[in-house]
Amino acid sequence: MDLSVKLKAIRRREGLTQLEFCALVDISISSYKKYETDLFEMGYAGLCKVLTHPTFTKYTLWLMTGHTAPECGQVSAV
């Protein structure tokens, strides 16, 4: 599963609009729309903003590897 699909899944699982998601992780809406539509790849800085935000850390393993570890609190957004 592509990063763009995973980002959209996380956002939807959390019940956030693109604008709300961007405000939480401090990413511009124009950049995020490009990430979610797979026009641009998300760089390290943007990815770190998502991975380190307290709301989204539970998706870190899945976002990076596609695996989950529920016993450690690491879940999938799908």
C-alpha atoms as a PDB file:
ATOM      1  CA  MET A   1       0.000   0.000   0.000  1.00  0.00           C
ATOM      2  CA  ASP A   2       1.387   3.396  -1.000  1.00  0.00           C
ATOM      3  CA  LEU A   3       2.154   6.114   1.532  1.00  0.00           C
ATOM      4  CA  SER A   4      -0.488   8.341  -0.076  1.00  0.00           C
ATOM      5  CA  VAL A   5      -3.180   5.716   0.545  1.00  0.00           C
ATOM      6  CA  LYS A   6      -1.996   5.190   4.117  1.00  0.00           C
ATOM      7  CA  LEU A   7      -2.038   8.922   4.871  1.00  0.00           C
ATOM      8  CA  LYS A   8      -5.596   9.188   3.610  1.00  0.00           C
ATOM      9  CA  ALA A   9      -6.609   6.122   5.644  1.00  0.00           C
ATOM     10  CA  ILE A  10      -5.127   7.585   8.822  1.00  0.00           C
ATOM     11  CA  ARG A  11      -6.822  10.912   8.280  1.00  0.00           C
ATOM     12  CA  ARG A  12     -10.184   9.277   7.634  1.00  0.00           C
ATOM     13  CA  ARG A  13      -9.830   6.843  10.555  1.00  0.00           C
ATOM     14  CA  GLU A  14      -9.273   9.818  12.827  1.00  0.00           C
ATOM     15  CA  GLY A  15     -12.260  11.652  11.312  1.00  0.00           C
ATOM     16  CA  LEU A  16     -10.208  14.612  10.123  1.00  0.00           C
ATOM     17  CA  THR A  17     -10.520  16.770   7.055  1.00  0.00           C
ATOM     18  CA  GLN A  18      -7.364  17.497   5.101  1.00  0.00           C
ATOM     19  CA  LEU A  19      -7.291  20.980   6.615  1.00  0.00           C
ATOM     20  CA  GLU A  20      -7.664  19.681  10.184  1.00  0.00           C
ATOM     21  CA  PHE A  21      -4.943  17.073   9.631  1.00  0.00           C
ATOM     22  CA  CYS A  22      -2.587  19.702   8.230  1.00  0.00           C
ATOM     23  CA  ALA A  23      -3.209  22.042  11.155  1.00  0.00           C
ATOM     24  CA  LEU A  24      -2.348  19.249  13.611  1.00  0.00           C
ATOM     25  CA  VAL A  25       0.920  18.271  11.949  1.00  0.00           C
ATOM     26  CA  ASP A  26       1.883  21.715  10.640  1.00  0.00           C
ATOM     27  CA  ILE A  27       2.006  20.835   6.939  1.00  0.00           C
ATOM     28  CA  SER A  28       0.626  23.181   4.295  1.00  0.00           C
ATOM     29  CA  ILE A  29      -2.642  22.060   2.757  1.00  0.00           C
ATOM     30  CA  SER A  30      -1.270  22.473  -0.763  1.00  0.00           C
ATOM     31  CA  SER A  31       1.657  20.165  -0.017  1.00  0.00           C
ATOM     32  CA  TYR A  32      -0.533  17.624   1.756  1.00  0.00           C
ATOM     33  CA  LYS A  33      -2.983  17.415  -1.136  1.00  0.00           C
ATOM     34  CA  LYS A  34      -0.035  16.570  -3.385  1.00  0.00           C
ATOM     35  CA  TYR A  35       1.106  13.844  -0.973  1.00  0.00           C
ATOM     36  CA  GLU A  36      -2.356  12.337  -0.718  1.00  0.00           C
ATOM     37  CA  THR A  37      -2.841  12.277  -4.483  1.00  0.00           C
ATOM     38  CA  ASP A  38       0.670  10.881  -4.958  1.00  0.00           C
ATOM     39  CA  LEU A  39       1.856  13.844  -7.022  1.00  0.00           C
ATOM     40  CA  PHE A  40       4.832  14.361  -4.686  1.00  0.00           C
ATOM     41  CA  GLU A  41       6.569  12.067  -2.238  1.00  0.00           C
ATOM     42  CA  MET A  42       6.504  13.169   1.359  1.00  0.00           C
ATOM     43  CA  GLY A  43       9.979  14.012   2.584  1.00  0.00           C
ATOM     44  CA  TYR A  44      11.585  13.144   5.897  1.00  0.00           C
ATOM     45  CA  ALA A  45      10.535  16.361   7.635  1.00  0.00           C
ATOM     46  CA  GLY A  46       6.862  15.968   6.746  1.00  0.00           C
ATOM     47  CA  LEU A  47       6.851  12.295   7.598  1.00  0.00           C
ATOM     48  CA  CYS A  48       8.412  13.012  10.992  1.00  0.00           C
ATOM     49  CA  LYS A  49       5.683  15.547  11.736  1.00  0.00           C
ATOM     50  CA  VAL A  50       3.079  12.837  11.213  1.00  0.00           C
ATOM     51  CA  LEU A  51       4.975  10.049  12.973  1.00  0.00           C
ATOM     52  CA  THR A  52       5.771  12.076  16.083  1.00  0.00           C
ATOM     53  CA  HIS A  53       2.364  13.666  16.590  1.00  0.00           C
ATOM     54  CA  PRO A  54       0.751  12.057  19.678  1.00  0.00           C
ATOM     55  CA  THR A  55      -2.469  11.301  17.800  1.00  0.00           C
ATOM     56  CA  PHE A  56      -0.715   9.382  15.043  1.00  0.00           C
ATOM     57  CA  THR A  57       2.169   7.541  16.750  1.00  0.00           C
ATOM     58  CA  LYS A  58      -0.024   4.440  16.997  1.00  0.00           C
ATOM     59  CA  TYR A  59       0.235   4.147  13.193  1.00  0.00           C
ATOM     60  CA  THR A  60       4.040   4.468  12.964  1.00  0.00           C
ATOM     61  CA  LEU A  61       4.892   0.810  12.428  1.00  0.00           C
ATOM     62  CA  TRP A  62       2.085   0.303   9.922  1.00  0.00           C
ATOM     63  CA  LEU A  63       2.882   3.514   8.048  1.00  0.00           C
ATOM     64  CA  MET A  64       6.549   2.607   7.699  1.00  0.00           C
ATOM     65  CA  THR A  65       6.403  -1.183   7.227  1.00  0.00           C
ATOM     66  CA  GLY A  66       2.818  -2.261   6.647  1.00  0.00           C
ATOM     67  CA  HIS A  67       2.911  -4.365   9.826  1.00  0.00           C
ATOM     68  CA  THR A  68       1.086  -3.938  13.110  1.00  0.00           C
ATOM     69  CA  ALA A  69       1.845  -4.869  16.702  1.00  0.00           C
ATOM     70  CA  PRO A  70      -1.383  -4.417  18.662  1.00  0.00           C
ATOM     71  CA  GLU A  71       0.292  -5.678  21.831  1.00  0.00           C
ATOM     72  CA  CYS A  72       2.535  -2.601  21.588  1.00  0.00           C
ATOM     73  CA  GLY A  73      -0.264  -0.236  20.585  1.00  0.00           C
ATOM     74  CA  GLN A  74       0.757  -0.193  16.899  1.00  0.00           C
ATOM     75  CA  VAL A  75      -2.329  -0.466  14.705  1.00  0.00           C
ATOM     76  CA  SER A  76      -3.436  -0.135  11.107  1.00  0.00           C
ATOM     77  CA  ALA A  77      -5.766   2.568   9.838  1.00  0.00           C
ATOM     78  CA  VAL A  78      -7.583   0.093   7.582  1.00  0.00           C
END
